[in-house]
Amino acid sequence: RLEQLRALNQPSLEQALPPLLASATNGIDPQGLERQFNRPREG
């Protein structure tokens, strides 16, 4: 979990996503990311 927080400490979604995915056994729900970062998926 601390490793995930270090990944989330990046300034942008694009920078945080690769280290987050590396430890995500079941992948990541993009809708959850859209809400978490307030970044519409089309962007």
PDB file of all heavy atoms in Angstrom:
ATOM      1  N   ARG A   1       0.826  -1.202   0.000  1.00  0.00           N
ATOM      2  CA  ARG A   1       0.000   0.000   0.000  1.00  0.00           C
ATOM      3  C   ARG A   1       0.863   1.256   0.000  1.00  0.00           C
ATOM      4  O   ARG A   1       0.566   2.229  -0.706  1.00  0.00           O
ATOM      5  CB  ARG A   1      -0.933  -0.012   1.221  1.00  0.00           C
ATOM      6  CG  ARG A   1      -1.789   1.248   1.355  1.00  0.00           C
ATOM      7  CD  ARG A   1      -2.625   1.507   0.117  1.00  0.00           C
ATOM      8  NE  ARG A   1      -3.372   2.753   0.202  1.00  0.00           N
ATOM      9  CZ  ARG A   1      -4.025   3.306  -0.804  1.00  0.00           C
ATOM     10  NH1 ARG A   1      -4.016   2.727  -1.995  1.00  0.00           N
ATOM     11  NH2 ARG A   1      -4.680   4.431  -0.645  1.00  0.00           N
ATOM     12  N   LEU A   2       1.940   1.268   0.760  1.00  0.00           N
ATOM     13  CA  LEU A   2       2.836   2.433   0.767  1.00  0.00           C
ATOM     14  C   LEU A   2       3.459   2.637  -0.607  1.00  0.00           C
ATOM     15  O   LEU A   2       3.678   3.784  -1.034  1.00  0.00           O
ATOM     16  CB  LEU A   2       3.909   2.252   1.836  1.00  0.00           C
ATOM     17  CG  LEU A   2       3.396   2.226   3.293  1.00  0.00           C
ATOM     18  CD1 LEU A   2       4.538   1.964   4.247  1.00  0.00           C
ATOM     19  CD2 LEU A   2       2.687   3.530   3.638  1.00  0.00           C
ATOM     20  N   GLU A   3       3.713   1.541  -1.312  1.00  0.00           N
ATOM     21  CA  GLU A   3       4.251   1.660  -2.670  1.00  0.00           C
ATOM     22  C   GLU A   3       3.220   2.307  -3.592  1.00  0.00           C
ATOM     23  O   GLU A   3       3.564   3.129  -4.447  1.00  0.00           O
ATOM     24  CB  GLU A   3       4.632   0.271  -3.186  1.00  0.00           C
ATOM     25  CG  GLU A   3       5.500   0.282  -4.433  1.00  0.00           C
ATOM     26  CD  GLU A   3       6.856   0.946  -4.206  1.00  0.00           C
ATOM     27  OE1 GLU A   3       7.414   0.832  -3.097  1.00  0.00           O
ATOM     28  OE2 GLU A   3       7.337   1.605  -5.151  1.00  0.00           O
ATOM     29  N   GLN A   4       1.954   1.972  -3.405  1.00  0.00           N
ATOM     30  CA  GLN A   4       0.894   2.619  -4.187  1.00  0.00           C
ATOM     31  C   GLN A   4       0.831   4.110  -3.894  1.00  0.00           C
ATOM     32  O   GLN A   4       0.658   4.928  -4.813  1.00  0.00           O
ATOM     33  CB  GLN A   4      -0.451   1.969  -3.870  1.00  0.00           C
ATOM     34  CG  GLN A   4      -0.612   0.560  -4.393  1.00  0.00           C
ATOM     35  CD  GLN A   4      -1.936  -0.056  -3.985  1.00  0.00           C
ATOM     36  OE1 GLN A   4      -2.628   0.451  -3.099  1.00  0.00           O
ATOM     37  NE2 GLN A   4      -2.305  -1.162  -4.613  1.00  0.00           N
ATOM     38  N   LEU A   5       0.978   4.474  -2.624  1.00  0.00           N
ATOM     39  CA  LEU A   5       0.939   5.897  -2.276  1.00  0.00           C
ATOM     40  C   LEU A   5       2.122   6.643  -2.863  1.00  0.00           C
ATOM     41  O   LEU A   5       1.989   7.804  -3.266  1.00  0.00           O
ATOM     42  CB  LEU A   5       0.899   6.064  -0.758  1.00  0.00           C
ATOM     43  CG  LEU A   5      -0.390   5.582  -0.072  1.00  0.00           C
ATOM     44  CD1 LEU A   5      -0.286   5.762   1.432  1.00  0.00           C
ATOM     45  CD2 LEU A   5      -1.602   6.330  -0.623  1.00  0.00           C
ATOM     46  N   ARG A   6       3.277   5.991  -2.921  1.00  0.00           N
ATOM     47  CA  ARG A   6       4.430   6.643  -3.566  1.00  0.00           C
ATOM     48  C   ARG A   6       4.152   6.869  -5.051  1.00  0.00           C
ATOM     49  O   ARG A   6       4.547   7.895  -5.614  1.00  0.00           O
ATOM     50  CB  ARG A   6       5.693   5.800  -3.362  1.00  0.00           C
ATOM     51  CG  ARG A   6       6.322   5.987  -1.982  1.00  0.00           C
ATOM     52  CD  ARG A   6       7.657   5.298  -1.868  1.00  0.00           C
ATOM     53  NE  ARG A   6       7.496   3.901  -1.507  1.00  0.00           N
ATOM     54  CZ  ARG A   6       7.374   3.455  -0.270  1.00  0.00           C
ATOM     55  NH1 ARG A   6       7.380   4.300   0.750  1.00  0.00           N
ATOM     56  NH2 ARG A   6       7.237   2.163  -0.025  1.00  0.00           N
ATOM     57  N   ALA A   7       3.456   5.913  -5.664  1.00  0.00           N
ATOM     58  CA  ALA A   7       3.072   6.096  -7.070  1.00  0.00           C
ATOM     59  C   ALA A   7       2.063   7.234  -7.214  1.00  0.00           C
ATOM     60  O   ALA A   7       2.159   8.052  -8.139  1.00  0.00           O
ATOM     61  CB  ALA A   7       2.483   4.801  -7.622  1.00  0.00           C
ATOM     62  N   LEU A   8       1.111   7.315  -6.288  1.00  0.00           N
ATOM     63  CA  LEU A   8       0.100   8.370  -6.343  1.00  0.00           C
ATOM     64  C   LEU A   8       0.663   9.739  -6.017  1.00  0.00           C
ATOM     65  O   LEU A   8       0.015  10.761  -6.263  1.00  0.00           O
ATOM     66  CB  LEU A   8      -1.039   8.042  -5.373  1.00  0.00           C
ATOM     67  CG  LEU A   8      -1.960   6.895  -5.790  1.00  0.00           C
ATOM     68  CD1 LEU A   8      -2.841   6.463  -4.630  1.00  0.00           C
ATOM     69  CD2 LEU A   8      -2.813   7.308  -6.980  1.00  0.00           C
ATOM     70  N   ASN A   9       1.864   9.766  -5.468  1.00  0.00           N
ATOM     71  CA  ASN A   9       2.487  11.051  -5.137  1.00  0.00           C
ATOM     72  C   ASN A   9       3.035  11.759  -6.364  1.00  0.00           C
ATOM     73  O   ASN A   9       3.615  12.836  -6.264  1.00  0.00           O
ATOM     74  CB  ASN A   9       3.606  10.843  -4.118  1.00  0.00           C
ATOM     75  CG  ASN A   9       3.729  12.026  -3.160  1.00  0.00           C
ATOM     76  OD1 ASN A   9       2.927  12.952  -3.193  1.00  0.00           O
ATOM     77  ND2 ASN A   9       4.747  12.000  -2.326  1.00  0.00           N
ATOM     78  N   GLN A  10       2.869  11.139  -7.539  1.00  0.00           N
ATOM     79  CA  GLN A  10       3.243  11.795  -8.786  1.00  0.00           C
ATOM     80  C   GLN A  10       2.228  12.895  -9.108  1.00  0.00           C
ATOM     81  O   GLN A  10       1.075  12.818  -8.706  1.00  0.00           O
ATOM     82  CB  GLN A  10       3.286  10.776  -9.930  1.00  0.00           C
ATOM     83  CG  GLN A  10       4.225   9.609  -9.695  1.00  0.00           C
ATOM     84  CD  GLN A  10       5.672  10.041  -9.658  1.00  0.00           C
ATOM     85  OE1 GLN A  10       6.065  10.980 -10.340  1.00  0.00           O
ATOM     86  NE2 GLN A  10       6.471   9.370  -8.839  1.00  0.00           N
ATOM     87  N   PRO A  11       2.641  13.896  -9.857  1.00  0.00           N
ATOM     88  CA  PRO A  11       1.726  15.023 -10.106  1.00  0.00           C
ATOM     89  C   PRO A  11       0.594  14.730 -11.082  1.00  0.00           C
ATOM     90  O   PRO A  11      -0.395  15.460 -11.101  1.00  0.00           O
ATOM     91  CB  PRO A  11       2.660  16.114 -10.657  1.00  0.00           C
ATOM     92  CG  PRO A  11       3.847  15.377 -11.198  1.00  0.00           C
ATOM     93  CD  PRO A  11       4.012  14.168 -10.354  1.00  0.00           C
ATOM     94  N   SER A  12       0.720  13.700 -11.931  1.00  0.00           N
ATOM     95  CA  SER A  12      -0.308  13.486 -12.958  1.00  0.00           C
ATOM     96  C   SER A  12      -0.691  12.018 -13.038  1.00  0.00           C
ATOM     97  O   SER A  12       0.039  11.129 -12.585  1.00  0.00           O
ATOM     98  CB  SER A  12       0.206  13.949 -14.336  1.00  0.00           C
ATOM     99  OG  SER A  12       1.209  13.061 -14.818  1.00  0.00           O
ATOM    100  N   LEU A  13      -1.836  11.769 -13.645  1.00  0.00           N
ATOM    101  CA  LEU A  13      -2.325  10.412 -13.852  1.00  0.00           C
ATOM    102  C   LEU A  13      -1.356   9.614 -14.717  1.00  0.00           C
ATOM    103  O   LEU A  13      -1.074   8.442 -14.419  1.00  0.00           O
ATOM    104  CB  LEU A  13      -3.704  10.471 -14.517  1.00  0.00           C
ATOM    105  CG  LEU A  13      -4.292   9.147 -15.024  1.00  0.00           C
ATOM    106  CD1 LEU A  13      -4.481   8.169 -13.876  1.00  0.00           C
ATOM    107  CD2 LEU A  13      -5.604   9.386 -15.745  1.00  0.00           C
ATOM    108  N   GLU A  14      -0.861  10.232 -15.790  1.00  0.00           N
ATOM    109  CA  GLU A  14       0.035   9.507 -16.704  1.00  0.00           C
ATOM    110  C   GLU A  14       1.307   9.046 -15.999  1.00  0.00           C
ATOM    111  O   GLU A  14       1.836   7.965 -16.286  1.00  0.00           O
ATOM    112  CB  GLU A  14       0.391  10.390 -17.900  1.00  0.00           C
ATOM    113  CG  GLU A  14      -0.719  10.550 -18.930  1.00  0.00           C
ATOM    114  CD  GLU A  14      -1.803  11.526 -18.495  1.00  0.00           C
ATOM    115  OE1 GLU A  14      -1.604  12.232 -17.479  1.00  0.00           O
ATOM    116  OE2 GLU A  14      -2.853  11.590 -19.154  1.00  0.00           O
ATOM    117  N   GLN A  15       1.815   9.838 -15.059  1.00  0.00           N
ATOM    118  CA  GLN A  15       3.020   9.457 -14.333  1.00  0.00           C
ATOM    119  C   GLN A  15       2.726   8.413 -13.253  1.00  0.00           C
ATOM    120  O   GLN A  15       3.566   7.559 -12.965  1.00  0.00           O
ATOM    121  CB  GLN A  15       3.660  10.697 -13.693  1.00  0.00           C
ATOM    122  CG  GLN A  15       4.255  11.671 -14.709  1.00  0.00           C
ATOM    123  CD  GLN A  15       4.662  12.979 -14.058  1.00  0.00           C
ATOM    124  OE1 GLN A  15       3.822  13.803 -13.719  1.00  0.00           O
ATOM    125  NE2 GLN A  15       5.960  13.168 -13.866  1.00  0.00           N
ATOM    126  N   ALA A  16       1.550   8.490 -12.669  1.00  0.00           N
ATOM    127  CA  ALA A  16       1.202   7.564 -11.585  1.00  0.00           C
ATOM    128  C   ALA A  16       0.791   6.198 -12.092  1.00  0.00           C
ATOM    129  O   ALA A  16       0.968   5.191 -11.394  1.00  0.00           O
ATOM    130  CB  ALA A  16       0.081   8.161 -10.734  1.00  0.00           C
ATOM    131  N   LEU A  17       0.230   6.130 -13.309  1.00  0.00           N
ATOM    132  CA  LEU A  17      -0.391   4.892 -13.779  1.00  0.00           C
ATOM    133  C   LEU A  17       0.572   3.711 -13.909  1.00  0.00           C
ATOM    134  O   LEU A  17       0.250   2.608 -13.432  1.00  0.00           O
ATOM    135  CB  LEU A  17      -1.116   5.156 -15.102  1.00  0.00           C
ATOM    136  CG  LEU A  17      -2.079   4.067 -15.567  1.00  0.00           C
ATOM    137  CD1 LEU A  17      -3.090   3.740 -14.485  1.00  0.00           C
ATOM    138  CD2 LEU A  17      -2.793   4.509 -16.848  1.00  0.00           C
ATOM    139  N   PRO A  18       1.748   3.846 -14.544  1.00  0.00           N
ATOM    140  CA  PRO A  18       2.623   2.665 -14.692  1.00  0.00           C
ATOM    141  C   PRO A  18       2.994   2.001 -13.371  1.00  0.00           C
ATOM    142  O   PRO A  18       2.836   0.776 -13.248  1.00  0.00           O
ATOM    143  CB  PRO A  18       3.847   3.225 -15.439  1.00  0.00           C
ATOM    144  CG  PRO A  18       3.315   4.399 -16.199  1.00  0.00           C
ATOM    145  CD  PRO A  18       2.285   5.004 -15.303  1.00  0.00           C
ATOM    146  N   PRO A  19       3.472   2.740 -12.346  1.00  0.00           N
ATOM    147  CA  PRO A  19       3.780   2.040 -11.092  1.00  0.00           C
ATOM    148  C   PRO A  19       2.531   1.500 -10.386  1.00  0.00           C
ATOM    149  O   PRO A  19       2.599   0.490  -9.691  1.00  0.00           O
ATOM    150  CB  PRO A  19       4.478   3.108 -10.239  1.00  0.00           C
ATOM    151  CG  PRO A  19       4.108   4.415 -10.835  1.00  0.00           C
ATOM    152  CD  PRO A  19       3.904   4.156 -12.286  1.00  0.00           C
ATOM    153  N   LEU A  20       1.385   2.143 -10.559  1.00  0.00           N
ATOM    154  CA  LEU A  20       0.157   1.615  -9.974  1.00  0.00           C
ATOM    155  C   LEU A  20      -0.219   0.277 -10.608  1.00  0.00           C
ATOM    156  O   LEU A  20      -0.585  -0.679  -9.920  1.00  0.00           O
ATOM    157  CB  LEU A  20      -1.001   2.598 -10.155  1.00  0.00           C
ATOM    158  CG  LEU A  20      -1.023   3.835  -9.260  1.00  0.00           C
ATOM    159  CD1 LEU A  20      -2.180   4.740  -9.653  1.00  0.00           C
ATOM    160  CD2 LEU A  20      -1.140   3.447  -7.793  1.00  0.00           C
ATOM    161  N   LEU A  21      -0.118   0.198 -11.928  1.00  0.00           N
ATOM    162  CA  LEU A  21      -0.482  -1.028 -12.625  1.00  0.00           C
ATOM    163  C   LEU A  21       0.478  -2.165 -12.322  1.00  0.00           C
ATOM    164  O   LEU A  21       0.087  -3.333 -12.318  1.00  0.00           O
ATOM    165  CB  LEU A  21      -0.524  -0.781 -14.136  1.00  0.00           C
ATOM    166  CG  LEU A  21      -1.694   0.060 -14.645  1.00  0.00           C
ATOM    167  CD1 LEU A  21      -1.543   0.347 -16.122  1.00  0.00           C
ATOM    168  CD2 LEU A  21      -3.019  -0.654 -14.380  1.00  0.00           C
ATOM    169  N   ALA A  22       1.742  -1.832 -12.058  1.00  0.00           N
ATOM    170  CA  ALA A  22       2.733  -2.874 -11.791  1.00  0.00           C
ATOM    171  C   ALA A  22       2.371  -3.702 -10.567  1.00  0.00           C
ATOM    172  O   ALA A  22       2.757  -4.873 -10.476  1.00  0.00           O
ATOM    173  CB  ALA A  22       4.110  -2.253 -11.627  1.00  0.00           C
ATOM    174  N   SER A  23       1.634  -3.113  -9.632  1.00  0.00           N
ATOM    175  CA  SER A  23       1.281  -3.836  -8.410  1.00  0.00           C
ATOM    176  C   SER A  23      -0.213  -4.139  -8.318  1.00  0.00           C
ATOM    177  O   SER A  23      -0.685  -4.589  -7.283  1.00  0.00           O
ATOM    178  CB  SER A  23       1.688  -3.015  -7.178  1.00  0.00           C
ATOM    179  OG  SER A  23       1.014  -1.762  -7.166  1.00  0.00           O
ATOM    180  N   ALA A  24      -0.954  -3.903  -9.397  1.00  0.00           N
ATOM    181  CA  ALA A  24      -2.409  -4.111  -9.385  1.00  0.00           C
ATOM    182  C   ALA A  24      -2.732  -5.504  -9.907  1.00  0.00           C
ATOM    183  O   ALA A  24      -2.818  -5.718 -11.123  1.00  0.00           O
ATOM    184  CB  ALA A  24      -3.103  -3.038 -10.223  1.00  0.00           C
ATOM    185  N   THR A  25      -2.927  -6.442  -9.002  1.00  0.00           N
ATOM    186  CA  THR A  25      -3.185  -7.830  -9.390  1.00  0.00           C
ATOM    187  C   THR A  25      -4.426  -7.948 -10.262  1.00  0.00           C
ATOM    188  O   THR A  25      -4.433  -8.697 -11.242  1.00  0.00           O
ATOM    189  CB  THR A  25      -3.359  -8.703  -8.136  1.00  0.00           C
ATOM    190  OG1 THR A  25      -2.172  -8.624  -7.354  1.00  0.00           O
ATOM    191  CG2 THR A  25      -3.628 -10.153  -8.513  1.00  0.00           C
ATOM    192  N   ASN A  26      -5.475  -7.228  -9.918  1.00  0.00           N
ATOM    193  CA  ASN A  26      -6.734  -7.302 -10.659  1.00  0.00           C
ATOM    194  C   ASN A  26      -6.944  -6.117 -11.594  1.00  0.00           C
ATOM    195  O   ASN A  26      -8.075  -5.816 -11.989  1.00  0.00           O
ATOM    196  CB  ASN A  26      -7.899  -7.407  -9.684  1.00  0.00           C
ATOM    197  CG  ASN A  26      -7.996  -8.777  -9.048  1.00  0.00           C
ATOM    198  OD1 ASN A  26      -8.451  -9.726  -9.682  1.00  0.00           O
ATOM    199  ND2 ASN A  26      -7.525  -8.903  -7.818  1.00  0.00           N
ATOM    200  N   GLY A  27      -5.840  -5.443 -11.944  1.00  0.00           N
ATOM    201  CA  GLY A  27      -5.970  -4.296 -12.810  1.00  0.00           C
ATOM    202  C   GLY A  27      -6.602  -3.121 -12.083  1.00  0.00           C
ATOM    203  O   GLY A  27      -6.813  -3.157 -10.863  1.00  0.00           O
ATOM    204  N   ILE A  28      -6.923  -2.085 -12.825  1.00  0.00           N
ATOM    205  CA  ILE A  28      -7.502  -0.871 -12.248  1.00  0.00           C
ATOM    206  C   ILE A  28      -8.734  -0.488 -13.046  1.00  0.00           C
ATOM    207  O   ILE A  28      -8.725  -0.490 -14.282  1.00  0.00           O
ATOM    208  CB  ILE A  28      -6.480   0.287 -12.252  1.00  0.00           C
ATOM    209  CG1 ILE A  28      -5.278  -0.070 -11.361  1.00  0.00           C
ATOM    210  CG2 ILE A  28      -7.117   1.569 -11.766  1.00  0.00           C
ATOM    211  CD1 ILE A  28      -4.203   0.984 -11.353  1.00  0.00           C
ATOM    212  N   ASP A  29      -9.789  -0.160 -12.325  1.00  0.00           N
ATOM    213  CA  ASP A  29     -11.032   0.293 -12.950  1.00  0.00           C
ATOM    214  C   ASP A  29     -10.834   1.714 -13.468  1.00  0.00           C
ATOM    215  O   ASP A  29     -10.605   2.636 -12.670  1.00  0.00           O
ATOM    216  CB  ASP A  29     -12.150   0.255 -11.906  1.00  0.00           C
ATOM    217  CG  ASP A  29     -13.480   0.775 -12.446  1.00  0.00           C
ATOM    218  OD1 ASP A  29     -13.564   1.070 -13.649  1.00  0.00           O
ATOM    219  OD2 ASP A  29     -14.426   0.893 -11.650  1.00  0.00           O
ATOM    220  N   PRO A  30     -10.915   1.940 -14.773  1.00  0.00           N
ATOM    221  CA  PRO A  30     -10.689   3.296 -15.291  1.00  0.00           C
ATOM    222  C   PRO A  30     -11.720   4.311 -14.806  1.00  0.00           C
ATOM    223  O   PRO A  30     -11.405   5.493 -14.675  1.00  0.00           O
ATOM    224  CB  PRO A  30     -10.740   3.113 -16.814  1.00  0.00           C
ATOM    225  CG  PRO A  30     -11.457   1.830 -17.032  1.00  0.00           C
ATOM    226  CD  PRO A  30     -11.168   0.975 -15.852  1.00  0.00           C
ATOM    227  N   GLN A  31     -12.942   3.854 -14.528  1.00  0.00           N
ATOM    228  CA  GLN A  31     -13.939   4.801 -14.018  1.00  0.00           C
ATOM    229  C   GLN A  31     -13.539   5.302 -12.632  1.00  0.00           C
ATOM    230  O   GLN A  31     -13.748   6.467 -12.300  1.00  0.00           O
ATOM    231  CB  GLN A  31     -15.313   4.144 -13.968  1.00  0.00           C
ATOM    232  CG  GLN A  31     -16.414   5.120 -13.580  1.00  0.00           C
ATOM    233  CD  GLN A  31     -17.804   4.502 -13.664  1.00  0.00           C
ATOM    234  OE1 GLN A  31     -17.954   3.334 -13.961  1.00  0.00           O
ATOM    235  NE2 GLN A  31     -18.816   5.303 -13.392  1.00  0.00           N
ATOM    236  N   GLY A  32     -12.947   4.410 -11.820  1.00  0.00           N
ATOM    237  CA  GLY A  32     -12.457   4.836 -10.517  1.00  0.00           C
ATOM    238  C   GLY A  32     -11.340   5.850 -10.641  1.00  0.00           C
ATOM    239  O   GLY A  32     -11.277   6.828  -9.875  1.00  0.00           O
ATOM    240  N   LEU A  33     -10.446   5.647 -11.615  1.00  0.00           N
ATOM    241  CA  LEU A  33      -9.370   6.617 -11.847  1.00  0.00           C
ATOM    242  C   LEU A  33      -9.927   7.943 -12.328  1.00  0.00           C
ATOM    243  O   LEU A  33      -9.440   9.013 -11.931  1.00  0.00           O
ATOM    244  CB  LEU A  33      -8.388   6.068 -12.891  1.00  0.00           C
ATOM    245  CG  LEU A  33      -7.400   4.990 -12.445  1.00  0.00           C
ATOM    246  CD1 LEU A  33      -6.552   4.551 -13.636  1.00  0.00           C
ATOM    247  CD2 LEU A  33      -6.507   5.492 -11.321  1.00  0.00           C
ATOM    248  N   GLU A  34     -10.929   7.886 -13.189  1.00  0.00           N
ATOM    249  CA  GLU A  34     -11.539   9.117 -13.699  1.00  0.00           C
ATOM    250  C   GLU A  34     -12.092   9.950 -12.547  1.00  0.00           C
ATOM    251  O   GLU A  34     -11.926  11.169 -12.498  1.00  0.00           O
ATOM    252  CB  GLU A  34     -12.658   8.753 -14.680  1.00  0.00           C
ATOM    253  CG  GLU A  34     -13.338   9.956 -15.308  1.00  0.00           C
ATOM    254  CD  GLU A  34     -14.367   9.567 -16.355  1.00  0.00           C
ATOM    255  OE1 GLU A  34     -14.497   8.363 -16.643  1.00  0.00           O
ATOM    256  OE2 GLU A  34     -15.044  10.472 -16.875  1.00  0.00           O
ATOM    257  N   ARG A  35     -12.725   9.287 -11.588  1.00  0.00           N
ATOM    258  CA  ARG A  35     -13.277   9.989 -10.433  1.00  0.00           C
ATOM    259  C   ARG A  35     -12.165  10.428  -9.484  1.00  0.00           C
ATOM    260  O   ARG A  35     -12.193  11.528  -8.943  1.00  0.00           O
ATOM    261  CB  ARG A  35     -14.262   9.067  -9.705  1.00  0.00           C
ATOM    262  CG  ARG A  35     -15.007   9.744  -8.566  1.00  0.00           C
ATOM    263  CD  ARG A  35     -15.872   8.758  -7.811  1.00  0.00           C
ATOM    264  NE  ARG A  35     -16.944   8.231  -8.636  1.00  0.00           N
ATOM    265  CZ  ARG A  35     -17.108   6.935  -8.919  1.00  0.00           C
ATOM    266  NH1 ARG A  35     -16.258   6.043  -8.439  1.00  0.00           N
ATOM    267  NH2 ARG A  35     -18.111   6.539  -9.661  1.00  0.00           N
ATOM    268  N   GLN A  36     -11.176   9.542  -9.281  1.00  0.00           N
ATOM    269  CA  GLN A  36     -10.100   9.834  -8.329  1.00  0.00           C
ATOM    270  C   GLN A  36      -9.262  11.035  -8.767  1.00  0.00           C
ATOM    271  O   GLN A  36      -8.873  11.864  -7.941  1.00  0.00           O
ATOM    272  CB  GLN A  36      -9.203   8.603  -8.191  1.00  0.00           C
ATOM    273  CG  GLN A  36      -8.064   8.757  -7.201  1.00  0.00           C
ATOM    274  CD  GLN A  36      -7.277   7.462  -7.068  1.00  0.00           C
ATOM    275  OE1 GLN A  36      -7.652   6.436  -7.623  1.00  0.00           O
ATOM    276  NE2 GLN A  36      -6.181   7.499  -6.348  1.00  0.00           N
ATOM    277  N   PHE A  37      -9.003  11.154 -10.079  1.00  0.00           N
ATOM    278  CA  PHE A  37      -8.155  12.236 -10.599  1.00  0.00           C
ATOM    279  C   PHE A  37      -8.975  13.354 -11.240  1.00  0.00           C
ATOM    280  O   PHE A  37      -8.401  14.361 -11.666  1.00  0.00           O
ATOM    281  CB  PHE A  37      -7.176  11.690 -11.641  1.00  0.00           C
ATOM    282  CG  PHE A  37      -6.009  10.948 -11.051  1.00  0.00           C
ATOM    283  CD1 PHE A  37      -6.135   9.642 -10.628  1.00  0.00           C
ATOM    284  CD2 PHE A  37      -4.777  11.575 -10.908  1.00  0.00           C
ATOM    285  CE1 PHE A  37      -5.059   8.951 -10.081  1.00  0.00           C
ATOM    286  CE2 PHE A  37      -3.693  10.898 -10.364  1.00  0.00           C
ATOM    287  CZ  PHE A  37      -3.840   9.587  -9.951  1.00  0.00           C
ATOM    288  N   ASN A  38     -10.301  13.160 -11.363  1.00  0.00           N
ATOM    289  CA  ASN A  38     -11.151  14.090 -12.103  1.00  0.00           C
ATOM    290  C   ASN A  38     -10.563  14.367 -13.485  1.00  0.00           C
ATOM    291  O   ASN A  38     -10.351  15.512 -13.889  1.00  0.00           O
ATOM    292  CB  ASN A  38     -11.356  15.418 -11.348  1.00  0.00           C
ATOM    293  CG  ASN A  38     -12.471  16.248 -11.989  1.00  0.00           C
ATOM    294  OD1 ASN A  38     -13.240  15.747 -12.811  1.00  0.00           O
ATOM    295  ND2 ASN A  38     -12.547  17.513 -11.619  1.00  0.00           N
ATOM    296  N   ARG A  39     -10.315  13.286 -14.198  1.00  0.00           N
ATOM    297  CA  ARG A  39      -9.792  13.351 -15.554  1.00  0.00           C
ATOM    298  C   ARG A  39     -10.699  12.555 -16.485  1.00  0.00           C
ATOM    299  O   ARG A  39     -10.668  11.315 -16.468  1.00  0.00           O
ATOM    300  CB  ARG A  39      -8.370  12.771 -15.609  1.00  0.00           C
ATOM    301  CG  ARG A  39      -7.295  13.653 -14.999  1.00  0.00           C
ATOM    302  CD  ARG A  39      -6.885  14.764 -15.954  1.00  0.00           C
ATOM    303  NE  ARG A  39      -6.449  14.229 -17.228  1.00  0.00           N
ATOM    304  CZ  ARG A  39      -5.231  13.740 -17.478  1.00  0.00           C
ATOM    305  NH1 ARG A  39      -4.315  13.720 -16.522  1.00  0.00           N
ATOM    306  NH2 ARG A  39      -4.913  13.283 -18.671  1.00  0.00           N
ATOM    307  N   PRO A  40     -11.559  13.221 -17.271  1.00  0.00           N
ATOM    308  CA  PRO A  40     -12.411  12.496 -18.222  1.00  0.00           C
ATOM    309  C   PRO A  40     -11.567  11.618 -19.144  1.00  0.00           C
ATOM    310  O   PRO A  40     -10.494  12.018 -19.599  1.00  0.00           O
ATOM    311  CB  PRO A  40     -13.099  13.624 -19.004  1.00  0.00           C
ATOM    312  CG  PRO A  40     -13.088  14.784 -18.050  1.00  0.00           C
ATOM    313  CD  PRO A  40     -11.809  14.665 -17.298  1.00  0.00           C
ATOM    314  N   ARG A  41     -12.060  10.418 -19.417  1.00  0.00           N
ATOM    315  CA  ARG A  41     -11.254   9.430 -20.138  1.00  0.00           C
ATOM    316  C   ARG A  41     -10.868   9.867 -21.541  1.00  0.00           C
ATOM    317  O   ARG A  41      -9.827   9.458 -22.065  1.00  0.00           O
ATOM    318  CB  ARG A  41     -12.008   8.098 -20.204  1.00  0.00           C
ATOM    319  CG  ARG A  41     -12.149   7.427 -18.852  1.00  0.00           C
ATOM    320  CD  ARG A  41     -12.650   6.023 -18.995  1.00  0.00           C
ATOM    321  NE  ARG A  41     -11.711   5.203 -19.726  1.00  0.00           N
ATOM    322  CZ  ARG A  41     -11.983   3.998 -20.206  1.00  0.00           C
ATOM    323  NH1 ARG A  41     -13.177   3.483 -20.030  1.00  0.00           N
ATOM    324  NH2 ARG A  41     -11.075   3.304 -20.864  1.00  0.00           N
ATOM    325  N   GLU A  42     -11.706  10.690 -22.165  1.00  0.00           N
ATOM    326  CA  GLU A  42     -11.364  11.102 -23.535  1.00  0.00           C
ATOM    327  C   GLU A  42     -10.097  11.954 -23.587  1.00  0.00           C
ATOM    328  O   GLU A  42      -9.504  12.121 -24.654  1.00  0.00           O
ATOM    329  CB  GLU A  42     -12.533  11.861 -24.177  1.00  0.00           C
ATOM    330  CG  GLU A  42     -13.015  13.077 -23.399  1.00  0.00           C
ATOM    331  CD  GLU A  42     -14.130  12.732 -22.429  1.00  0.00           C
ATOM    332  OE1 GLU A  42     -14.286  11.546 -22.101  1.00  0.00           O
ATOM    333  OE2 GLU A  42     -14.851  13.671 -22.023  1.00  0.00           O
ATOM    334  N   GLY A  43      -9.662  12.477 -22.436  1.00  0.00           N
ATOM    335  CA  GLY A  43      -8.436  13.277 -22.418  1.00  0.00           C
ATOM    336  C   GLY A  43      -7.207  12.508 -21.971  1.00  0.00           C
ATOM    337  O   GLY A  43      -6.120  13.085 -21.847  1.00  0.00           O
TER     338      GLY A  43
END
